[in-house]
N, C-alpha and C. Protein backbone atom coordinates (compact mmCIF):
# COMPACT_ATOMS: atom_id res chain seq x y z
N MET A 1 13.55 18.56 -19.10
CA MET A 1 12.55 19.52 -18.62
C MET A 1 12.45 20.70 -19.57
N ILE A 2 11.26 21.11 -19.83
CA ILE A 2 11.02 22.26 -20.70
C ILE A 2 11.18 23.52 -19.87
N ASP A 3 11.71 24.56 -20.47
CA ASP A 3 11.93 25.84 -19.81
C ASP A 3 10.60 26.48 -19.41
N LEU A 4 10.60 27.16 -18.28
CA LEU A 4 9.37 27.81 -17.80
C LEU A 4 8.92 28.97 -18.68
N SER A 5 9.77 29.41 -19.61
CA SER A 5 9.32 30.45 -20.54
C SER A 5 8.15 29.94 -21.38
N LEU A 6 7.95 28.62 -21.39
CA LEU A 6 6.80 28.04 -22.07
C LEU A 6 5.49 28.60 -21.50
N ALA A 7 5.48 28.92 -20.22
CA ALA A 7 4.28 29.50 -19.61
C ALA A 7 3.95 30.85 -20.25
N LEU A 8 4.96 31.65 -20.51
CA LEU A 8 4.74 32.96 -21.15
C LEU A 8 4.28 32.77 -22.59
N TYR A 9 4.88 31.81 -23.27
CA TYR A 9 4.45 31.47 -24.62
C TYR A 9 2.97 31.07 -24.60
N GLY A 10 2.60 30.22 -23.65
CA GLY A 10 1.21 29.77 -23.53
C GLY A 10 0.26 30.92 -23.27
N ALA A 11 0.67 31.85 -22.40
CA ALA A 11 -0.17 33.01 -22.10
C ALA A 11 -0.41 33.84 -23.35
N ALA A 12 0.67 34.14 -24.08
CA ALA A 12 0.56 34.97 -25.28
C ALA A 12 -0.23 34.25 -26.38
N MET A 13 0.08 32.99 -26.60
CA MET A 13 -0.57 32.25 -27.69
C MET A 13 -2.04 32.00 -27.41
N ASN A 14 -2.40 31.69 -26.16
CA ASN A 14 -3.81 31.45 -25.86
C ASN A 14 -4.60 32.75 -25.90
N ARG A 15 -3.99 33.85 -25.54
CA ARG A 15 -4.68 35.13 -25.68
C ARG A 15 -4.89 35.45 -27.16
N TRP A 16 -3.86 35.16 -27.98
CA TRP A 16 -4.00 35.37 -29.43
C TRP A 16 -5.15 34.49 -29.96
N ARG A 17 -5.19 33.24 -29.51
CA ARG A 17 -6.21 32.32 -29.95
C ARG A 17 -7.61 32.87 -29.69
N GLY A 18 -7.79 33.53 -28.57
CA GLY A 18 -9.11 33.98 -28.16
C GLY A 18 -9.48 35.39 -28.57
N HIS A 19 -8.51 36.22 -28.90
CA HIS A 19 -8.84 37.62 -29.18
C HIS A 19 -9.50 37.79 -30.54
N ALA A 20 -10.07 38.94 -30.75
CA ALA A 20 -10.68 39.26 -32.03
C ALA A 20 -10.09 40.58 -32.52
N SER A 21 -9.42 40.53 -33.64
CA SER A 21 -8.92 41.75 -34.28
C SER A 21 -8.67 41.47 -35.75
N LYS A 22 -8.42 42.51 -36.51
CA LYS A 22 -8.15 42.35 -37.93
C LYS A 22 -6.83 41.62 -38.17
N TYR A 23 -5.94 41.60 -37.17
CA TYR A 23 -4.64 40.95 -37.32
C TYR A 23 -4.72 39.43 -37.19
N LYS A 24 -5.80 38.94 -36.66
CA LYS A 24 -5.95 37.50 -36.47
C LYS A 24 -5.93 36.75 -37.80
N ARG A 25 -6.25 37.43 -38.88
CA ARG A 25 -6.24 36.78 -40.20
C ARG A 25 -4.85 36.33 -40.61
N TYR A 26 -3.81 36.86 -39.98
CA TYR A 26 -2.44 36.48 -40.31
C TYR A 26 -2.01 35.17 -39.63
N PHE A 27 -2.75 34.75 -38.63
CA PHE A 27 -2.47 33.49 -37.93
C PHE A 27 -3.81 32.95 -37.45
N PRO A 28 -4.67 32.52 -38.40
CA PRO A 28 -6.05 32.15 -38.06
C PRO A 28 -6.16 30.74 -37.52
N ARG A 29 -7.34 30.44 -37.00
CA ARG A 29 -7.71 29.11 -36.54
C ARG A 29 -7.49 28.13 -37.68
N PRO A 30 -6.89 27.01 -37.52
CA PRO A 30 -6.50 26.28 -36.33
C PRO A 30 -5.01 26.44 -35.96
N PHE A 31 -4.30 27.37 -36.60
CA PHE A 31 -2.86 27.47 -36.36
C PHE A 31 -2.49 27.81 -34.91
N PRO A 32 -3.19 28.71 -34.23
CA PRO A 32 -2.86 28.94 -32.82
C PRO A 32 -3.09 27.69 -31.96
N GLN A 33 -4.15 26.94 -32.28
CA GLN A 33 -4.43 25.72 -31.53
C GLN A 33 -3.34 24.68 -31.76
N ILE A 34 -2.87 24.57 -32.99
CA ILE A 34 -1.76 23.66 -33.29
C ILE A 34 -0.51 24.11 -32.55
N ALA A 35 -0.26 25.41 -32.56
CA ALA A 35 0.92 25.95 -31.86
C ALA A 35 0.85 25.68 -30.36
N LEU A 36 -0.34 25.69 -29.80
CA LEU A 36 -0.51 25.37 -28.38
C LEU A 36 -0.38 23.87 -28.12
N ALA A 37 -0.69 23.05 -29.11
CA ALA A 37 -0.63 21.59 -28.95
C ALA A 37 0.78 21.03 -29.12
N ILE A 38 1.62 21.69 -29.90
CA ILE A 38 2.96 21.18 -30.20
C ILE A 38 3.77 20.86 -28.93
N PRO A 39 3.80 21.74 -27.93
CA PRO A 39 4.58 21.39 -26.72
C PRO A 39 4.09 20.12 -26.03
N TYR A 40 2.79 19.86 -26.09
CA TYR A 40 2.26 18.64 -25.49
C TYR A 40 2.75 17.41 -26.25
N ALA A 41 2.82 17.50 -27.57
CA ALA A 41 3.34 16.39 -28.37
C ALA A 41 4.84 16.22 -28.14
N TYR A 42 5.52 17.31 -27.93
CA TYR A 42 6.98 17.29 -27.75
C TYR A 42 7.42 16.47 -26.53
N VAL A 43 6.59 16.44 -25.50
CA VAL A 43 6.98 15.73 -24.27
C VAL A 43 6.77 14.22 -24.35
N THR A 44 6.28 13.73 -25.48
CA THR A 44 6.07 12.29 -25.64
C THR A 44 7.41 11.58 -25.47
N PRO A 45 7.47 10.59 -24.61
CA PRO A 45 8.74 9.90 -24.35
C PRO A 45 9.28 9.18 -25.59
N MET A 46 10.55 9.39 -25.86
CA MET A 46 11.20 8.71 -26.98
C MET A 46 11.40 7.23 -26.69
N SER A 47 11.21 6.82 -25.46
CA SER A 47 11.40 5.41 -25.09
C SER A 47 10.23 4.53 -25.51
N LEU A 48 9.16 5.11 -25.95
CA LEU A 48 8.01 4.32 -26.40
C LEU A 48 8.36 3.56 -27.68
N ASP A 49 7.62 2.51 -27.95
CA ASP A 49 7.86 1.70 -29.15
C ASP A 49 7.72 2.51 -30.44
N HIS A 50 6.72 3.37 -30.50
CA HIS A 50 6.46 4.19 -31.69
C HIS A 50 6.29 5.65 -31.27
N PRO A 51 7.39 6.29 -30.84
CA PRO A 51 7.26 7.63 -30.25
C PRO A 51 6.67 8.67 -31.20
N PHE A 52 6.98 8.59 -32.48
CA PHE A 52 6.48 9.61 -33.40
C PHE A 52 4.99 9.42 -33.70
N VAL A 53 4.54 8.18 -33.69
CA VAL A 53 3.11 7.92 -33.86
C VAL A 53 2.36 8.44 -32.64
N VAL A 54 2.89 8.13 -31.46
CA VAL A 54 2.25 8.60 -30.23
C VAL A 54 2.25 10.13 -30.18
N ALA A 55 3.38 10.74 -30.53
CA ALA A 55 3.45 12.20 -30.55
C ALA A 55 2.45 12.78 -31.54
N GLY A 56 2.30 12.14 -32.69
CA GLY A 56 1.32 12.59 -33.67
C GLY A 56 -0.10 12.50 -33.15
N VAL A 57 -0.41 11.40 -32.46
CA VAL A 57 -1.74 11.24 -31.88
C VAL A 57 -1.98 12.30 -30.80
N VAL A 58 -0.97 12.53 -29.97
CA VAL A 58 -1.08 13.57 -28.94
C VAL A 58 -1.29 14.93 -29.59
N LEU A 59 -0.56 15.22 -30.65
CA LEU A 59 -0.70 16.50 -31.35
C LEU A 59 -2.12 16.67 -31.89
N VAL A 60 -2.63 15.65 -32.55
CA VAL A 60 -3.97 15.74 -33.13
C VAL A 60 -5.04 15.87 -32.04
N LEU A 61 -4.98 15.01 -31.03
CA LEU A 61 -6.00 15.05 -29.97
C LEU A 61 -5.94 16.36 -29.18
N THR A 62 -4.74 16.85 -28.93
CA THR A 62 -4.61 18.10 -28.18
C THR A 62 -5.08 19.28 -29.01
N THR A 63 -4.77 19.28 -30.29
CA THR A 63 -5.27 20.35 -31.17
C THR A 63 -6.80 20.34 -31.19
N LEU A 64 -7.37 19.16 -31.35
CA LEU A 64 -8.84 19.06 -31.34
C LEU A 64 -9.42 19.54 -30.01
N ALA A 65 -8.73 19.24 -28.92
CA ALA A 65 -9.20 19.70 -27.60
C ALA A 65 -9.17 21.22 -27.51
N TRP A 66 -8.09 21.84 -28.03
CA TRP A 66 -8.04 23.30 -28.03
C TRP A 66 -9.14 23.89 -28.91
N LEU A 67 -9.58 23.14 -29.90
CA LEU A 67 -10.62 23.63 -30.81
C LEU A 67 -12.04 23.44 -30.26
N THR A 68 -12.21 22.62 -29.22
CA THR A 68 -13.57 22.44 -28.68
C THR A 68 -14.04 23.74 -28.06
N GLY A 69 -15.31 23.93 -28.09
CA GLY A 69 -15.87 25.17 -27.56
C GLY A 69 -15.92 25.21 -26.05
N HIS A 70 -15.80 26.42 -25.52
CA HIS A 70 -15.98 26.62 -24.09
C HIS A 70 -16.70 27.94 -23.83
N GLY A 71 -17.19 28.56 -24.88
CA GLY A 71 -17.81 29.88 -24.77
C GLY A 71 -18.98 29.94 -23.80
N LYS A 72 -19.74 28.87 -23.74
CA LYS A 72 -20.88 28.83 -22.82
C LYS A 72 -20.43 28.80 -21.36
N PHE A 73 -19.23 28.28 -21.12
CA PHE A 73 -18.74 28.13 -19.75
C PHE A 73 -17.97 29.33 -19.22
N MET A 74 -17.33 30.08 -20.10
CA MET A 74 -16.37 31.09 -19.64
C MET A 74 -17.02 32.27 -18.90
N ASP A 75 -18.34 32.35 -18.92
CA ASP A 75 -19.01 33.43 -18.19
C ASP A 75 -19.27 33.08 -16.73
N LEU A 76 -19.00 31.83 -16.36
CA LEU A 76 -19.21 31.35 -14.99
C LEU A 76 -20.61 31.68 -14.45
N GLY A 77 -21.61 31.31 -15.24
CA GLY A 77 -23.00 31.39 -14.80
C GLY A 77 -23.64 32.76 -14.88
N THR A 78 -23.02 33.72 -15.54
CA THR A 78 -23.58 35.07 -15.56
C THR A 78 -24.39 35.38 -16.82
N TRP A 79 -24.38 34.50 -17.82
CA TRP A 79 -25.13 34.75 -19.05
C TRP A 79 -26.24 33.74 -19.21
N ASN A 80 -26.77 33.69 -20.40
CA ASN A 80 -27.91 32.84 -20.72
C ASN A 80 -27.55 31.35 -20.69
N PRO A 81 -28.11 30.59 -19.77
CA PRO A 81 -27.81 29.16 -19.72
C PRO A 81 -28.48 28.37 -20.85
N ALA A 82 -29.34 29.01 -21.62
CA ALA A 82 -30.04 28.31 -22.71
C ALA A 82 -29.20 28.26 -23.99
N ALA A 83 -27.96 28.68 -23.93
CA ALA A 83 -27.10 28.64 -25.11
C ALA A 83 -26.91 27.21 -25.59
N GLU A 84 -26.52 27.07 -26.85
CA GLU A 84 -26.28 25.74 -27.42
C GLU A 84 -25.18 25.00 -26.66
N ASP A 85 -25.36 23.70 -26.50
CA ASP A 85 -24.37 22.89 -25.77
C ASP A 85 -23.01 22.92 -26.46
N GLU A 86 -21.97 22.90 -25.64
CA GLU A 86 -20.60 22.80 -26.14
C GLU A 86 -20.32 21.34 -26.49
N ARG A 87 -19.26 21.11 -27.27
CA ARG A 87 -18.96 19.75 -27.75
C ARG A 87 -18.74 18.74 -26.63
N LEU A 88 -18.09 19.13 -25.57
CA LEU A 88 -17.79 18.20 -24.48
C LEU A 88 -18.78 18.28 -23.33
N GLU A 89 -19.82 19.07 -23.51
CA GLU A 89 -20.78 19.27 -22.42
C GLU A 89 -21.53 18.00 -22.06
N PHE A 90 -21.64 17.06 -22.99
CA PHE A 90 -22.34 15.81 -22.69
C PHE A 90 -21.72 15.10 -21.49
N THR A 91 -20.44 15.35 -21.21
CA THR A 91 -19.77 14.67 -20.09
C THR A 91 -20.24 15.19 -18.73
N ILE A 92 -20.79 16.39 -18.71
CA ILE A 92 -21.23 16.97 -17.42
C ILE A 92 -22.71 17.32 -17.39
N LYS A 93 -23.40 17.09 -18.48
CA LYS A 93 -24.82 17.49 -18.59
C LYS A 93 -25.66 16.99 -17.42
N TRP A 94 -25.32 15.83 -16.90
CA TRP A 94 -26.07 15.25 -15.79
C TRP A 94 -25.98 16.10 -14.52
N LEU A 95 -25.00 17.01 -14.46
CA LEU A 95 -24.82 17.87 -13.29
C LEU A 95 -25.65 19.15 -13.35
N GLU A 96 -26.19 19.47 -14.51
CA GLU A 96 -26.81 20.77 -14.75
C GLU A 96 -27.86 21.17 -13.70
N LYS A 97 -28.65 20.24 -13.27
CA LYS A 97 -29.70 20.55 -12.29
C LYS A 97 -29.21 20.39 -10.84
N SER A 98 -28.02 19.87 -10.66
CA SER A 98 -27.51 19.57 -9.31
C SER A 98 -26.60 20.63 -8.72
N VAL A 99 -26.01 21.45 -9.58
CA VAL A 99 -25.07 22.47 -9.10
C VAL A 99 -25.49 23.83 -9.62
N SER A 100 -24.96 24.86 -9.01
CA SER A 100 -25.28 26.23 -9.44
C SER A 100 -24.71 26.47 -10.84
N PRO A 101 -25.25 27.46 -11.56
CA PRO A 101 -24.70 27.78 -12.88
C PRO A 101 -23.21 28.13 -12.83
N TYR A 102 -22.79 28.78 -11.75
CA TYR A 102 -21.37 29.12 -11.59
C TYR A 102 -20.50 27.86 -11.59
N TRP A 103 -20.87 26.91 -10.75
CA TRP A 103 -20.06 25.70 -10.63
C TRP A 103 -20.22 24.79 -11.84
N TYR A 104 -21.37 24.81 -12.47
CA TYR A 104 -21.54 24.04 -13.70
C TYR A 104 -20.56 24.54 -14.77
N ASP A 105 -20.49 25.85 -14.91
CA ASP A 105 -19.57 26.43 -15.89
C ASP A 105 -18.12 26.18 -15.48
N ALA A 106 -17.82 26.29 -14.20
CA ALA A 106 -16.45 26.01 -13.73
C ALA A 106 -16.05 24.57 -14.05
N ILE A 107 -16.96 23.65 -13.83
CA ILE A 107 -16.69 22.24 -14.14
C ILE A 107 -16.52 22.07 -15.65
N GLY A 108 -17.33 22.77 -16.43
CA GLY A 108 -17.19 22.73 -17.89
C GLY A 108 -15.84 23.22 -18.35
N LEU A 109 -15.35 24.30 -17.73
CA LEU A 109 -14.01 24.80 -18.06
C LEU A 109 -12.95 23.78 -17.68
N ALA A 110 -13.11 23.17 -16.51
CA ALA A 110 -12.14 22.16 -16.08
C ALA A 110 -12.11 20.98 -17.05
N VAL A 111 -13.28 20.54 -17.49
CA VAL A 111 -13.36 19.41 -18.41
C VAL A 111 -12.70 19.75 -19.74
N THR A 112 -12.99 20.94 -20.28
CA THR A 112 -12.37 21.32 -21.56
C THR A 112 -10.87 21.51 -21.41
N GLY A 113 -10.42 21.91 -20.24
CA GLY A 113 -8.99 22.02 -19.98
C GLY A 113 -8.34 20.65 -19.86
N ILE A 114 -8.98 19.74 -19.17
CA ILE A 114 -8.45 18.38 -19.03
C ILE A 114 -8.37 17.70 -20.40
N ALA A 115 -9.31 18.00 -21.28
CA ALA A 115 -9.25 17.44 -22.63
C ALA A 115 -7.94 17.82 -23.32
N VAL A 116 -7.41 19.00 -23.00
CA VAL A 116 -6.14 19.45 -23.57
C VAL A 116 -4.97 18.67 -22.97
N SER A 117 -4.94 18.52 -21.68
CA SER A 117 -3.77 17.93 -21.01
C SER A 117 -3.80 16.40 -20.92
N LEU A 118 -4.96 15.80 -21.08
CA LEU A 118 -5.10 14.36 -20.91
C LEU A 118 -4.27 13.52 -21.89
N PRO A 119 -4.25 13.81 -23.18
CA PRO A 119 -3.46 12.96 -24.08
C PRO A 119 -1.98 12.91 -23.71
N ALA A 120 -1.38 14.05 -23.40
CA ALA A 120 0.03 14.07 -23.01
C ALA A 120 0.23 13.40 -21.66
N GLY A 121 -0.72 13.57 -20.76
CA GLY A 121 -0.63 12.90 -19.46
C GLY A 121 -0.65 11.40 -19.59
N ILE A 122 -1.49 10.89 -20.49
CA ILE A 122 -1.54 9.45 -20.72
C ILE A 122 -0.25 8.99 -21.39
N ALA A 123 0.20 9.72 -22.40
CA ALA A 123 1.42 9.32 -23.13
C ALA A 123 2.65 9.30 -22.24
N THR A 124 2.71 10.21 -21.28
CA THR A 124 3.86 10.27 -20.39
C THR A 124 3.67 9.45 -19.12
N GLY A 125 2.47 8.96 -18.90
CA GLY A 125 2.19 8.22 -17.67
C GLY A 125 2.19 9.12 -16.45
N ASN A 126 1.85 10.39 -16.66
CA ASN A 126 1.90 11.39 -15.60
C ASN A 126 0.47 11.83 -15.25
N PRO A 127 -0.11 11.31 -14.16
CA PRO A 127 -1.49 11.67 -13.82
C PRO A 127 -1.66 13.15 -13.47
N LEU A 128 -0.65 13.77 -12.89
CA LEU A 128 -0.77 15.21 -12.59
C LEU A 128 -0.85 16.03 -13.87
N LEU A 129 -0.05 15.66 -14.85
CA LEU A 129 -0.12 16.34 -16.14
C LEU A 129 -1.49 16.10 -16.77
N ALA A 130 -1.98 14.88 -16.68
CA ALA A 130 -3.28 14.53 -17.28
C ALA A 130 -4.40 15.43 -16.78
N VAL A 131 -4.40 15.76 -15.50
CA VAL A 131 -5.49 16.58 -14.94
C VAL A 131 -5.13 18.06 -14.78
N SER A 132 -3.91 18.44 -15.17
CA SER A 132 -3.49 19.84 -15.00
C SER A 132 -4.34 20.81 -15.80
N GLY A 133 -5.00 20.33 -16.82
CA GLY A 133 -5.88 21.20 -17.60
C GLY A 133 -7.04 21.76 -16.80
N ALA A 134 -7.35 21.14 -15.67
CA ALA A 134 -8.43 21.65 -14.81
C ALA A 134 -8.12 23.06 -14.31
N LEU A 135 -6.87 23.48 -14.43
CA LEU A 135 -6.50 24.85 -14.02
C LEU A 135 -7.15 25.92 -14.89
N LYS A 136 -7.78 25.50 -15.97
CA LYS A 136 -8.52 26.44 -16.81
C LYS A 136 -9.65 27.09 -16.01
N ALA A 137 -10.28 26.34 -15.13
CA ALA A 137 -11.38 26.89 -14.32
C ALA A 137 -10.90 28.01 -13.40
N PRO A 138 -9.85 27.78 -12.58
CA PRO A 138 -9.37 28.89 -11.74
C PRO A 138 -8.86 30.08 -12.55
N ALA A 139 -8.36 29.83 -13.76
CA ALA A 139 -7.90 30.95 -14.60
C ALA A 139 -9.05 31.91 -14.88
N TYR A 140 -10.20 31.38 -15.26
CA TYR A 140 -11.36 32.23 -15.52
C TYR A 140 -11.96 32.78 -14.22
N MET A 141 -11.91 32.00 -13.15
CA MET A 141 -12.40 32.49 -11.85
C MET A 141 -11.61 33.74 -11.43
N ILE A 142 -10.31 33.67 -11.59
CA ILE A 142 -9.46 34.83 -11.27
C ILE A 142 -9.83 36.00 -12.16
N GLY A 143 -10.02 35.74 -13.44
CA GLY A 143 -10.39 36.81 -14.37
C GLY A 143 -11.65 37.53 -13.94
N TRP A 144 -12.67 36.78 -13.53
CA TRP A 144 -13.92 37.39 -13.09
C TRP A 144 -13.76 38.15 -11.78
N LYS A 145 -12.89 37.68 -10.90
CA LYS A 145 -12.66 38.38 -9.62
C LYS A 145 -11.88 39.68 -9.84
N VAL A 146 -10.88 39.62 -10.72
CA VAL A 146 -10.00 40.78 -10.94
C VAL A 146 -10.72 41.87 -11.71
N SER A 147 -11.39 41.50 -12.79
CA SER A 147 -12.03 42.51 -13.64
C SER A 147 -13.13 41.88 -14.49
N PRO A 148 -14.38 41.97 -14.05
CA PRO A 148 -15.45 41.40 -14.86
C PRO A 148 -15.47 41.93 -16.30
N LYS A 149 -15.07 43.16 -16.48
CA LYS A 149 -15.05 43.76 -17.81
C LYS A 149 -14.02 43.07 -18.71
N ASN A 150 -12.91 42.63 -18.15
CA ASN A 150 -11.82 42.01 -18.91
C ASN A 150 -11.63 40.54 -18.56
N ALA A 151 -12.67 39.92 -17.99
CA ALA A 151 -12.55 38.55 -17.49
C ALA A 151 -12.13 37.56 -18.57
N THR A 152 -12.68 37.71 -19.76
CA THR A 152 -12.34 36.77 -20.83
C THR A 152 -10.87 36.88 -21.20
N ALA A 153 -10.39 38.09 -21.40
CA ALA A 153 -8.97 38.28 -21.75
C ALA A 153 -8.06 37.75 -20.66
N ILE A 154 -8.40 38.01 -19.41
CA ILE A 154 -7.59 37.53 -18.29
C ILE A 154 -7.66 36.00 -18.23
N GLY A 155 -8.86 35.45 -18.38
CA GLY A 155 -9.03 34.00 -18.35
C GLY A 155 -8.25 33.31 -19.45
N GLU A 156 -8.29 33.86 -20.65
CA GLU A 156 -7.53 33.28 -21.77
C GLU A 156 -6.03 33.33 -21.49
N THR A 157 -5.57 34.46 -21.02
CA THR A 157 -4.14 34.62 -20.74
C THR A 157 -3.69 33.67 -19.64
N LEU A 158 -4.44 33.64 -18.55
CA LEU A 158 -4.06 32.77 -17.44
C LEU A 158 -4.20 31.29 -17.79
N THR A 159 -5.17 30.95 -18.64
CA THR A 159 -5.29 29.55 -19.06
C THR A 159 -4.02 29.11 -19.77
N GLY A 160 -3.55 29.90 -20.71
CA GLY A 160 -2.30 29.57 -21.40
C GLY A 160 -1.12 29.51 -20.45
N LEU A 161 -1.06 30.47 -19.53
CA LEU A 161 0.02 30.51 -18.55
C LEU A 161 -0.01 29.27 -17.65
N PHE A 162 -1.18 28.95 -17.12
CA PHE A 162 -1.31 27.82 -16.20
C PHE A 162 -1.10 26.46 -16.89
N LEU A 163 -1.71 26.28 -18.06
CA LEU A 163 -1.63 24.97 -18.70
C LEU A 163 -0.24 24.68 -19.24
N LEU A 164 0.34 25.62 -19.96
CA LEU A 164 1.68 25.35 -20.48
C LEU A 164 2.74 25.50 -19.40
N GLY A 165 2.47 26.31 -18.39
CA GLY A 165 3.37 26.37 -17.23
C GLY A 165 3.38 25.04 -16.49
N SER A 166 2.21 24.44 -16.34
CA SER A 166 2.14 23.11 -15.71
C SER A 166 2.88 22.07 -16.54
N LEU A 167 2.75 22.17 -17.84
CA LEU A 167 3.47 21.25 -18.73
C LEU A 167 4.98 21.38 -18.49
N ALA A 168 5.45 22.60 -18.38
CA ALA A 168 6.89 22.82 -18.15
C ALA A 168 7.32 22.27 -16.79
N ILE A 169 6.52 22.48 -15.78
CA ILE A 169 6.88 22.03 -14.44
C ILE A 169 6.79 20.51 -14.29
N LEU A 170 5.77 19.92 -14.88
CA LEU A 170 5.48 18.51 -14.65
C LEU A 170 6.22 17.54 -15.58
N THR A 171 6.99 18.07 -16.54
CA THR A 171 7.71 17.16 -17.46
C THR A 171 9.21 17.38 -17.35
């Protein structure tokens, strides 16, 4: 089992990933995303036939998932819905006319979060881990309820806390 301090690491690293400052040049994209993906690769079972290959695939897929866009979703329906589609939006586009902008964005956040947790969930055979990324949606929902002015920062922090905390609890 991974130590729960991983949740704090996730909170700090995901906030770093999302913030904008002159200091970000010292640890730029994609390094924070890779740093967030490493724990997911680490949980790959050594009992598999090719554990290092599987861990490498999990690392690559999880890094790519952290790199997918979610900017259109993180406002939870409060901004311009005519923004350019996000990379994974094709998976939910059929819902756009069926649900409110709030829930469309919440589902988009859940999908982009599941993209992060799904590879490790499949590699470990753990369905709860596979879908734990959906906690990204409540992370941003809480951010908007607590402080609309700071919703993005809160959402980023809680996403890291929830996703890597779930990884620690579920493995």
